[in-house]
Amino acid sequence: MPLPTVATSLSAKLLVLTILFVLLAEVLIYTPSIARFRMGYLEERLAAAHIAALSVEAAPDFMVTRELQAKLLAYTGTHVIDVIQPGARVYMLSRPMPPEAAAVYDLRGTGLWMQIVDAAAALGRGLGDRENRVIRVIDRSPNDPAQRVEVTMDERPVIEAMLDFSRRILAVSVGISLFAAVLVYLTLHALLVRPMRRLTADVVAFRRDPDGAPPVVPGRRRDEIGVAERELASMQGTVRAALRQRERLATLGTAVAKINHDLRGILSTASLLSERLTESGDPEVRRVTPRLLASLDRAVELCGQTLSFTRDGVLPLAPAPADLHRLAEEAGAEVLATVRPDGGPVEATWINDIPAGTLAVVDAAQFGRLLVNLGRNAVQAGADRVRVAAESGPGGQPDGRLLLTIADNGPGLAPRARENLFQPFAGSARAGGIGLGLAIAREVARAHGGDLRLVESGAGGTVFALDLPQGKPGAGGVAVARHRSIVSH
């Protein structure tokens, strides 16, 4: 997969998002700012109108000439000025034929929300309709709160001032956004994006060529990037070791597959010829013949297990409702037919405590193979009692869980077996084994959507747990939700 281009890279997305977020912050700041600007503009007009109206008090008989009145109204940008003083005295300046007000705005006690709404409406009219509108504005005098000032004025000058203010705010906002975006971009690019691109390139190179890709050299960073670098370097080493081990196993499997047929034929012939030794007149020959036959049978079995493990690949399942009691009986019969390493028959007791009629949707052959592997390992390790039992899940509901237990009284697992448990060719739990019994058992469990794990192991026995979630086979589940086995190896 190619690395992303500049347009689709994380850096480009980071730059665009930074600009958008800064602009969003500016919009949130602009909204109350434009409302406050409109209020300030109107308050300035009211203050100027109050001062102009006071000229009436200085005029003889509280009368001013029409020429002075026209100049005062033009200076304040109004058509009518009314000043109401506490004694109900009214000072008024007015044009000869003042226009009718289209709207009245009483600024006394107006909250911020209403100021924002009025400012937004004014901007909307200014952007969509160029016609002028006459408004009447009422508020306490900014010069003397005890007096009320009312003015009739054109709204267009207010809108033009607001638009000019908005253009200045927009220019400043864009400049701040670009400046902040560049700073944030450069900082995050150096701290995050560039290391992430380097990690991405290392991952892509490792995927293309796990053996030839150069190893990741972790830096000294202690943050998440540093942790990712160190974990990636560790993962590369682990994956390379696993690939080398798998390559060796694949080579071994190919070799075993080629010689298995001939080897099993040779061993079968040797087994048939060895059976005639039981008719020998020499008592010593007759005494060692069972051990020889047992050794040949074990050799044939080990060859078969090795070949099966190396060529099976993905374990195929044919799930169907099966009686677990019957499967346990069949597995027990096969386990008790096992020959001990010394050639003698197994002398053990198989106790099947699974209630008859306990059904589970499993692959009968593979699940039986799992039980046989666990039970056979137990009796070959020295156990003389194996017990299989079943317990219903919480509440006994149809969608509950079923817990199967297999217990024996063997000596427990050796330390070497515990260290390499479930590892093929490395986790043998008994002398002479190759460590495939438990590996195959876990493979069967995982193919049914579960897992096999060791719970405990001691002088009184070994405990394994096989957890199988309920569900439809093939979708990561099986009707039996849990299986637990106690087996000695």
Protein backbone atom coordinates (compact mmCIF):
# COMPACT_ATOMS: atom_id res chain seq x y z
CA MET A 1 0.00 0.00 0.00
CA PRO A 2 1.56 3.36 -1.03
CA LEU A 3 2.06 6.13 1.48
CA PRO A 4 -0.55 8.93 1.39
CA THR A 5 0.02 11.93 -0.83
CA VAL A 6 0.44 15.46 0.48
CA ALA A 7 -3.25 16.23 -0.12
CA THR A 8 -4.43 13.14 1.78
CA SER A 9 -1.71 13.10 4.41
CA LEU A 10 -2.21 13.63 8.10
CA SER A 11 -0.33 16.91 7.85
CA ALA A 12 -2.81 18.39 5.35
CA LYS A 13 -5.78 17.28 7.43
CA LEU A 14 -4.16 18.75 10.53
CA LEU A 15 -3.60 22.09 8.79
CA VAL A 16 -7.18 22.31 7.50
CA LEU A 17 -8.68 21.32 10.85
CA THR A 18 -6.55 23.86 12.70
CA ILE A 19 -7.72 26.67 10.38
CA LEU A 20 -11.35 25.59 10.73
CA PHE A 21 -11.18 25.39 14.51
CA VAL A 22 -9.56 28.81 14.82
CA LEU A 23 -12.19 30.30 12.51
CA LEU A 24 -14.90 28.64 14.58
CA ALA A 25 -13.43 30.20 17.71
CA GLU A 26 -13.39 33.57 15.96
CA VAL A 27 -17.05 33.16 14.99
CA LEU A 28 -17.94 32.45 18.59
CA ILE A 29 -16.05 35.58 19.60
CA TYR A 30 -17.49 37.65 16.73
CA THR A 31 -21.14 37.00 17.60
CA PRO A 32 -21.22 38.88 20.93
CA SER A 33 -18.68 41.39 19.58
CA ILE A 34 -20.91 42.56 16.73
CA ALA A 35 -23.88 42.77 19.09
CA ARG A 36 -21.84 44.89 21.49
CA PHE A 37 -20.63 47.08 18.59
CA ARG A 38 -24.22 47.81 17.55
CA MET A 39 -25.14 48.70 21.11
CA GLY A 40 -22.13 51.00 21.38
CA TYR A 41 -23.00 52.72 18.12
CA LEU A 42 -26.58 53.37 19.23
CA GLU A 43 -25.44 54.59 22.67
CA GLU A 44 -23.09 57.06 21.00
CA ARG A 45 -25.99 58.41 18.97
CA LEU A 46 -28.14 58.73 22.11
CA ALA A 47 -25.35 60.56 23.95
CA ALA A 48 -24.86 62.98 21.04
CA ALA A 49 -28.64 63.50 20.81
CA HIS A 50 -28.82 64.31 24.54
CA ILE A 51 -26.12 66.94 24.20
CA ALA A 52 -27.85 68.42 21.15
CA ALA A 53 -31.18 68.59 22.99
CA LEU A 54 -29.62 70.52 25.86
CA SER A 55 -29.19 73.47 23.47
CA VAL A 56 -32.93 73.97 23.80
CA GLU A 57 -32.44 74.75 27.51
CA ALA A 58 -29.96 77.52 26.66
CA ALA A 59 -32.18 79.11 24.02
CA PRO A 60 -34.56 82.00 24.87
CA ASP A 61 -37.99 80.65 25.77
CA PHE A 62 -36.62 77.15 25.12
CA MET A 63 -36.90 77.77 21.41
CA VAL A 64 -34.15 77.36 18.81
CA THR A 65 -34.14 78.50 15.23
CA ARG A 66 -34.95 76.06 12.43
CA GLU A 67 -31.45 76.49 11.02
CA LEU A 68 -29.84 75.48 14.35
CA GLN A 69 -32.29 72.64 14.82
CA ALA A 70 -31.49 71.28 11.33
CA LYS A 71 -27.75 71.48 12.05
CA LEU A 72 -28.13 69.67 15.39
CA LEU A 73 -30.20 66.88 13.82
CA ALA A 74 -27.75 66.53 10.96
CA TYR A 75 -24.82 66.39 13.42
CA THR A 76 -26.44 63.61 15.42
CA GLY A 77 -27.74 61.74 12.34
CA THR A 78 -31.33 61.74 13.59
CA HIS A 79 -34.76 62.91 12.51
CA VAL A 80 -36.34 63.42 15.95
CA ILE A 81 -34.80 63.82 19.42
CA ASP A 82 -36.84 63.62 22.63
CA VAL A 83 -35.29 64.04 26.09
CA ILE A 84 -37.61 63.33 29.02
CA GLN A 85 -36.29 64.71 32.31
CA PRO A 86 -37.51 63.67 35.78
CA GLY A 87 -39.89 66.63 36.11
CA ALA A 88 -41.76 65.52 32.97
CA ARG A 89 -40.04 68.32 31.08
CA VAL A 90 -39.50 67.39 27.47
CA TYR A 91 -36.86 68.78 25.16
CA MET A 92 -37.60 68.05 21.52
CA LEU A 93 -35.79 68.57 18.26
CA SER A 94 -37.52 67.52 15.07
CA ARG A 95 -37.45 67.93 11.34
CA PRO A 96 -40.51 69.60 9.79
CA MET A 97 -41.90 66.31 8.42
CA PRO A 98 -40.17 63.47 10.25
CA PRO A 99 -40.58 59.97 8.73
CA GLU A 100 -42.53 57.22 10.47
CA ALA A 101 -40.43 54.70 12.38
CA ALA A 102 -40.61 51.13 11.00
CA ALA A 103 -39.39 49.57 14.25
CA VAL A 104 -38.84 50.56 17.88
CA TYR A 105 -35.86 49.32 19.93
CA ASP A 106 -35.98 49.86 23.67
CA LEU A 107 -32.46 49.24 24.91
CA ARG A 108 -33.37 49.42 28.59
CA GLY A 109 -32.78 46.02 30.15
CA THR A 110 -32.03 44.32 26.83
CA GLY A 111 -30.06 41.12 27.47
CA LEU A 112 -27.10 39.81 25.50
CA TRP A 113 -29.22 37.23 23.65
CA MET A 114 -31.66 39.85 22.35
CA GLN A 115 -28.74 42.08 21.39
CA ILE A 116 -27.27 39.21 19.34
CA VAL A 117 -30.63 38.51 17.69
CA ASP A 118 -31.16 42.20 16.78
CA ALA A 119 -27.59 42.47 15.43
CA ALA A 120 -27.97 39.32 13.32
CA ALA A 121 -31.29 40.60 11.92
CA ALA A 122 -29.72 43.95 11.06
CA LEU A 123 -26.81 42.26 9.26
CA GLY A 124 -29.26 40.08 7.37
CA ARG A 125 -31.16 43.13 6.17
CA GLY A 126 -27.92 44.86 5.25
CA LEU A 127 -26.68 41.94 3.14
CA GLY A 128 -30.01 41.18 1.49
CA ASP A 129 -31.76 44.54 1.19
CA ARG A 130 -30.00 47.79 0.40
CA GLU A 131 -33.05 49.96 1.23
CA ASN A 132 -32.91 52.27 4.20
CA ARG A 133 -35.23 51.83 7.19
CA VAL A 134 -36.19 54.35 9.91
CA ILE A 135 -36.04 53.09 13.50
CA ARG A 136 -36.81 54.58 16.90
CA VAL A 137 -34.30 53.91 19.70
CA ILE A 138 -35.10 54.41 23.39
CA ASP A 139 -32.67 54.24 26.31
CA ARG A 140 -31.49 56.05 29.40
CA SER A 141 -29.11 58.85 28.61
CA PRO A 142 -25.46 57.69 28.75
CA ASN A 143 -24.70 61.14 30.19
CA ASP A 144 -27.41 61.12 32.86
CA PRO A 145 -29.23 57.84 33.61
CA ALA A 146 -32.05 59.79 35.25
CA GLN A 147 -33.12 61.13 31.84
CA ARG A 148 -34.57 59.14 28.97
CA VAL A 149 -33.56 59.79 25.37
CA GLU A 150 -35.58 58.78 22.37
CA VAL A 151 -34.33 59.27 18.82
CA THR A 152 -35.70 58.52 15.38
CA MET A 153 -32.89 57.74 12.95
CA ASP A 154 -31.93 55.90 9.77
CA GLU A 155 -30.80 52.29 10.27
CA ARG A 156 -28.57 52.17 7.22
CA PRO A 157 -25.61 54.01 8.82
CA VAL A 158 -25.71 51.51 11.70
CA ILE A 159 -25.65 48.57 9.28
CA GLU A 160 -22.82 50.06 7.24
CA ALA A 161 -20.75 50.56 10.38
CA MET A 162 -21.48 46.95 11.42
CA LEU A 163 -20.44 45.63 7.99
CA ASP A 164 -17.23 47.61 8.11
CA PHE A 165 -16.53 46.25 11.59
CA SER A 166 -17.23 42.72 10.34
CA ARG A 167 -14.80 43.10 7.44
CA ARG A 168 -12.07 44.20 9.84
CA ILE A 169 -12.85 41.31 12.18
CA LEU A 170 -12.78 38.87 9.25
CA ALA A 171 -9.40 40.11 8.10
CA VAL A 172 -7.97 39.86 11.60
CA SER A 173 -9.54 36.42 12.09
CA VAL A 174 -8.08 35.04 8.87
CA GLY A 175 -4.66 36.39 9.78
CA ILE A 176 -4.85 34.93 13.29
CA SER A 177 -6.12 31.61 11.91
CA LEU A 178 -3.31 31.30 9.39
CA PHE A 179 -0.69 32.31 11.94
CA ALA A 180 -2.03 29.92 14.58
CA ALA A 181 -2.46 27.14 12.02
CA VAL A 182 1.12 27.46 10.84
CA LEU A 183 2.45 27.42 14.41
CA VAL A 184 0.30 24.44 15.40
CA TYR A 185 1.08 22.65 12.14
CA LEU A 186 4.84 23.06 12.48
CA THR A 187 4.78 22.02 16.12
CA LEU A 188 2.58 18.96 15.66
CA HIS A 189 4.33 18.01 12.44
CA ALA A 190 7.65 17.90 14.28
CA LEU A 191 6.27 16.16 17.38
CA LEU A 192 3.69 13.79 15.90
CA VAL A 193 3.27 13.71 12.13
CA ARG A 194 6.86 13.19 11.10
CA PRO A 195 7.48 10.38 13.63
CA MET A 196 4.16 8.79 12.61
CA ARG A 197 5.16 8.93 8.94
CA ARG A 198 8.45 7.30 9.81
CA LEU A 199 6.65 4.58 11.79
CA THR A 200 4.19 4.08 8.93
CA ALA A 201 7.02 3.72 6.43
CA ASP A 202 8.72 1.18 8.71
CA VAL A 203 5.49 -0.83 9.04
CA VAL A 204 4.91 -0.80 5.26
CA ALA A 205 8.51 -1.83 4.57
CA PHE A 206 8.29 -4.61 7.16
CA ARG A 207 5.06 -5.91 5.66
CA ARG A 208 6.58 -6.00 2.18
CA ASP A 209 9.78 -7.72 3.25
CA PRO A 210 9.86 -8.92 6.88
CA ASP A 211 13.38 -10.32 6.54
CA GLY A 212 14.99 -7.58 4.44
CA ALA A 213 13.41 -4.49 6.03
CA PRO A 214 15.83 -2.54 8.25
CA PRO A 215 15.05 -2.83 11.95
CA VAL A 216 13.34 0.05 13.72
CA VAL A 217 15.73 2.06 15.88
CA PRO A 218 13.71 3.40 18.83
CA GLY A 219 14.40 6.92 20.00
CA ARG A 220 14.64 8.23 23.53
CA ARG A 221 11.13 9.65 23.66
CA ARG A 222 9.06 8.57 26.66
CA ASP A 223 5.64 9.49 25.25
CA GLU A 224 3.26 7.36 23.17
CA ILE A 225 5.42 7.73 20.04
CA GLY A 226 8.43 6.40 21.91
CA VAL A 227 6.40 3.49 23.26
CA ALA A 228 5.14 2.72 19.74
CA GLU A 229 8.69 2.74 18.37
CA ARG A 230 9.96 0.37 21.06
CA GLU A 231 6.96 -1.94 20.72
CA LEU A 232 7.35 -2.02 16.94
CA ALA A 233 11.03 -2.90 17.26
CA SER A 234 10.14 -5.67 19.71
CA MET A 235 7.35 -6.91 17.45
CA GLN A 236 9.72 -7.05 14.48
CA GLY A 237 12.09 -9.28 16.41
CA THR A 238 9.27 -11.53 17.59
CA VAL A 239 7.71 -11.82 14.13
CA ARG A 240 11.06 -12.54 12.48
CA ALA A 241 11.76 -15.30 15.02
CA ALA A 242 8.25 -16.72 14.47
CA LEU A 243 8.70 -16.64 10.69
CA ARG A 244 12.02 -18.43 10.94
CA GLN A 245 10.49 -21.05 13.22
CA ARG A 246 7.52 -21.47 10.87
CA GLU A 247 9.87 -21.84 7.92
CA ARG A 248 11.75 -24.59 9.75
CA LEU A 249 8.46 -26.28 10.66
CA ALA A 250 7.28 -26.03 7.07
CA THR A 251 10.50 -27.62 5.89
CA LEU A 252 10.12 -30.33 8.51
CA GLY A 253 6.52 -30.92 7.50
CA THR A 254 7.48 -31.28 3.85
CA ALA A 255 10.19 -33.75 4.75
CA VAL A 256 7.89 -35.75 7.04
CA ALA A 257 5.18 -35.82 4.40
CA LYS A 258 7.63 -37.29 1.88
CA ILE A 259 9.00 -40.04 4.11
CA ASN A 260 5.90 -40.77 6.20
CA HIS A 261 4.37 -43.33 3.84
CA ASP A 262 7.54 -45.34 3.48
CA LEU A 263 8.37 -45.06 7.17
CA ARG A 264 4.93 -46.25 8.28
CA GLY A 265 5.19 -49.16 5.83
CA ILE A 266 8.55 -50.13 7.25
CA LEU A 267 7.26 -49.88 10.82
CA SER A 268 4.14 -51.87 9.99
CA THR A 269 6.25 -54.62 8.44
CA ALA A 270 8.52 -54.64 11.46
CA SER A 271 5.46 -54.83 13.74
CA LEU A 272 4.07 -57.85 11.84
CA LEU A 273 7.39 -59.64 11.93
CA SER A 274 7.81 -58.83 15.61
CA GLU A 275 4.48 -60.48 16.44
CA ARG A 276 6.03 -63.82 15.42
CA LEU A 277 8.59 -63.40 18.17
CA THR A 278 5.81 -64.16 20.67
CA GLU A 279 5.96 -67.75 19.37
CA SER A 280 9.67 -68.00 20.05
CA GLY A 281 10.86 -70.78 22.30
CA ASP A 282 13.20 -68.41 24.09
CA PRO A 283 11.47 -67.08 27.24
CA GLU A 284 13.55 -63.88 27.22
CA VAL A 285 12.45 -63.09 23.64
CA ARG A 286 8.82 -63.63 24.56
CA ARG A 287 9.27 -61.34 27.56
CA VAL A 288 10.67 -58.35 25.64
CA THR A 289 8.44 -58.79 22.57
CA PRO A 290 5.46 -56.76 24.03
CA ARG A 291 7.77 -53.84 24.73
CA LEU A 292 9.12 -54.01 21.19
CA LEU A 293 5.60 -54.03 19.75
CA ALA A 294 4.58 -51.11 21.94
CA SER A 295 7.59 -49.12 20.80
CA LEU A 296 6.75 -49.80 17.15
CA ASP A 297 3.11 -48.76 17.73
CA ARG A 298 4.24 -45.53 19.35
CA ALA A 299 6.55 -44.81 16.43
CA VAL A 300 3.69 -45.30 13.98
CA GLU A 301 1.44 -43.07 16.09
CA LEU A 302 4.04 -40.30 16.32
CA CYS A 303 4.57 -40.36 12.56
CA GLY A 304 0.83 -40.11 12.01
CA GLN A 305 0.46 -37.22 14.46
CA THR A 306 3.35 -35.33 12.91
CA LEU A 307 1.99 -35.73 9.41
CA SER A 308 -1.52 -34.76 10.51
CA PHE A 309 -0.26 -31.63 12.24
CA THR A 310 1.89 -30.47 9.33
CA ARG A 311 -0.65 -30.98 6.55
CA ASP A 312 -4.03 -30.17 8.14
CA GLY A 313 -3.75 -26.36 7.76
CA VAL A 314 -7.04 -24.75 8.78
CA LEU A 315 -8.91 -27.40 10.74
CA PRO A 316 -12.12 -28.28 8.87
CA LEU A 317 -15.25 -28.69 10.97
CA ALA A 318 -18.51 -30.51 10.34
CA PRO A 319 -20.55 -29.37 13.36
CA ALA A 320 -23.76 -31.13 14.27
CA PRO A 321 -25.71 -31.83 17.48
CA ALA A 322 -23.84 -34.54 19.37
CA ASP A 323 -24.40 -36.40 22.62
CA LEU A 324 -21.46 -35.50 24.84
CA HIS A 325 -22.07 -38.54 27.03
CA ARG A 326 -21.64 -40.84 24.05
CA LEU A 327 -18.57 -38.95 22.84
CA ALA A 328 -16.99 -39.27 26.27
CA GLU A 329 -17.75 -43.04 26.34
CA GLU A 330 -16.12 -43.56 22.95
CA ALA A 331 -13.13 -41.44 23.91
CA GLY A 332 -12.75 -43.37 27.17
CA ALA A 333 -12.73 -46.72 25.36
CA GLU A 334 -9.98 -45.49 23.06
CA VAL A 335 -7.98 -44.04 25.93
CA LEU A 336 -8.16 -47.28 27.94
CA ALA A 337 -6.91 -49.20 24.89
CA THR A 338 -3.68 -47.22 25.03
CA VAL A 339 -0.47 -49.18 25.57
CA ARG A 340 1.94 -48.00 28.23
CA PRO A 341 5.51 -47.11 27.27
CA ASP A 342 6.68 -50.45 28.74
CA GLY A 343 4.36 -52.38 26.42
CA GLY A 344 1.80 -53.33 29.04
CA PRO A 345 -1.89 -52.47 28.79
CA VAL A 346 -3.22 -49.39 30.54
CA GLU A 347 -4.86 -50.18 33.87
CA ALA A 348 -7.07 -47.17 34.60
CA THR A 349 -10.67 -46.30 35.31
CA TRP A 350 -12.63 -43.95 33.04
CA ILE A 351 -15.55 -42.34 34.89
CA ASN A 352 -18.15 -40.71 32.66
CA ASP A 353 -20.36 -38.42 34.75
CA ILE A 354 -21.78 -36.43 31.83
CA PRO A 355 -25.57 -36.88 31.95
CA ALA A 356 -26.99 -38.86 29.07
CA GLY A 357 -28.64 -36.62 26.50
CA THR A 358 -26.34 -33.64 27.06
CA LEU A 359 -26.21 -32.16 23.57
CA ALA A 360 -23.74 -29.77 22.01
CA VAL A 361 -23.20 -28.56 18.44
CA VAL A 362 -19.64 -29.75 17.77
CA ASP A 363 -17.64 -31.73 15.26
CA ALA A 364 -17.94 -35.16 16.87
CA ALA A 365 -14.76 -36.57 15.35
CA GLN A 366 -12.58 -33.56 16.19
CA PHE A 367 -14.06 -33.10 19.66
CA GLY A 368 -13.56 -36.80 20.35
CA ARG A 369 -9.96 -36.39 19.16
CA LEU A 370 -9.53 -33.60 21.72
CA LEU A 371 -10.82 -35.79 24.57
CA VAL A 372 -8.68 -38.73 23.48
CA ASN A 373 -5.51 -36.63 23.33
CA LEU A 374 -6.07 -35.24 26.81
CA GLY A 375 -7.04 -38.60 28.30
CA ARG A 376 -4.26 -40.53 26.58
CA ASN A 377 -1.65 -38.06 27.83
CA ALA A 378 -3.02 -38.58 31.33
CA VAL A 379 -2.86 -42.38 31.40
CA GLN A 380 0.51 -42.53 29.64
CA ALA A 381 1.87 -40.20 32.31
CA GLY A 382 0.78 -42.61 35.06
CA ALA A 383 -2.79 -41.69 35.98
CA ASP A 384 -5.03 -44.62 36.94
CA ARG A 385 -8.29 -42.70 37.24
CA VAL A 386 -9.87 -40.25 34.79
CA ARG A 387 -13.22 -38.64 35.49
CA VAL A 388 -15.37 -36.74 32.98
CA ALA A 389 -18.22 -34.61 34.32
CA ALA A 390 -20.55 -31.84 33.19
CA GLU A 391 -22.08 -28.87 34.96
CA SER A 392 -24.85 -26.62 33.65
CA GLY A 393 -24.24 -22.92 33.30
CA PRO A 394 -25.84 -20.19 35.42
CA GLY A 395 -29.59 -20.62 35.53
CA GLY A 396 -29.52 -23.58 33.19
CA GLN A 397 -30.79 -21.38 30.36
CA PRO A 398 -30.67 -22.63 26.76
CA ASP A 399 -28.23 -19.85 25.97
CA GLY A 400 -26.22 -20.55 29.13
CA ARG A 401 -22.92 -22.38 29.41
CA LEU A 402 -21.85 -25.97 29.86
CA LEU A 403 -18.71 -26.82 31.85
CA LEU A 404 -17.03 -30.15 31.08
CA THR A 405 -14.35 -31.40 33.45
CA ILE A 406 -11.82 -34.20 32.96
CA ALA A 407 -9.88 -35.05 36.13
CA ASP A 408 -7.15 -37.57 36.86
CA ASN A 409 -4.83 -38.42 39.71
CA GLY A 410 -1.55 -38.27 37.80
CA PRO A 411 1.74 -36.73 38.97
CA GLY A 412 1.28 -33.37 37.21
CA LEU A 413 3.28 -31.53 34.58
CA ALA A 414 7.06 -31.29 34.57
CA PRO A 415 8.58 -27.77 34.68
CA ARG A 416 9.85 -28.05 31.09
CA ALA A 417 6.39 -29.00 29.88
CA ARG A 418 4.82 -25.98 31.61
CA GLU A 419 7.30 -23.59 29.99
CA ASN A 420 6.56 -24.84 26.46
CA LEU A 421 2.94 -25.87 26.89
CA PHE A 422 0.95 -26.07 23.64
CA GLN A 423 4.16 -25.55 21.61
CA PRO A 424 4.46 -28.26 18.93
CA PHE A 425 7.68 -30.28 19.11
CA ALA A 426 8.67 -28.37 22.26
CA GLY A 427 5.91 -28.85 24.84
CA SER A 428 5.99 -32.59 25.40
CA ALA A 429 4.55 -33.45 28.80
CA ARG A 430 5.97 -36.98 28.96
CA ALA A 431 9.20 -38.75 28.11
CA GLY A 432 9.35 -39.88 24.50
CA GLY A 433 6.60 -37.51 23.34
CA ILE A 434 6.93 -34.80 20.71
CA GLY A 435 4.48 -32.28 22.18
CA LEU A 436 1.69 -32.58 19.61
CA GLY A 437 -1.14 -33.92 21.78
CA LEU A 438 -1.87 -30.65 23.59
CA ALA A 439 -1.07 -28.58 20.50
CA ILE A 440 -3.68 -30.48 18.48
CA ALA A 441 -6.17 -30.28 21.37
CA ARG A 442 -5.83 -26.49 21.52
CA GLU A 443 -6.14 -26.29 17.73
CA VAL A 444 -9.42 -28.19 17.92
CA ALA A 445 -10.64 -25.93 20.72
CA ARG A 446 -9.81 -22.76 18.80
CA ALA A 447 -11.42 -24.10 15.65
CA HIS A 448 -14.64 -24.34 17.69
CA GLY A 449 -14.24 -20.70 18.76
CA GLY A 450 -12.75 -21.41 22.18
CA ASP A 451 -9.36 -21.91 23.78
CA LEU A 452 -7.54 -24.44 25.94
CA ARG A 453 -5.52 -23.16 28.88
CA LEU A 454 -3.72 -24.56 31.89
CA VAL A 455 -5.35 -23.71 35.21
CA GLU A 456 -3.09 -25.53 37.65
CA SER A 457 -0.81 -28.54 37.90
CA GLY A 458 0.56 -30.31 40.96
CA ALA A 459 1.16 -33.67 42.57
CA GLY A 460 -2.59 -34.25 42.73
CA GLY A 461 -3.27 -33.61 39.05
CA THR A 462 -3.34 -31.02 36.32
CA VAL A 463 -6.21 -28.70 35.49
CA PHE A 464 -6.94 -27.44 31.99
CA ALA A 465 -9.82 -25.19 30.97
CA LEU A 466 -11.43 -25.32 27.55
CA ASP A 467 -13.64 -22.26 27.10
CA LEU A 468 -16.13 -22.62 24.24
CA PRO A 469 -18.63 -19.76 23.77
CA GLN A 470 -22.14 -20.65 22.70
CA GLY A 471 -23.00 -19.74 19.15
CA LYS A 472 -23.23 -20.99 15.62
CA PRO A 473 -20.21 -22.98 14.49
CA GLY A 474 -18.35 -21.28 11.72
CA ALA A 475 -19.09 -17.88 13.29
CA GLY A 476 -16.65 -18.26 16.15
CA GLY A 477 -18.85 -20.27 18.50
CA VAL A 478 -20.32 -23.60 19.48
CA ALA A 479 -23.27 -24.71 21.57
CA VAL A 480 -21.00 -25.83 24.42
CA ALA A 481 -19.75 -22.65 25.99
CA ARG A 482 -17.04 -23.94 28.28
CA HIS A 483 -14.94 -27.06 28.76
CA ARG A 484 -12.56 -27.75 31.58
CA SER A 485 -10.15 -30.66 31.78
CA ILE A 486 -7.95 -31.94 34.59
CA VAL A 487 -5.27 -34.09 33.03
CA SER A 488 -1.86 -35.41 34.12
CA HIS A 489 0.97 -35.52 31.64
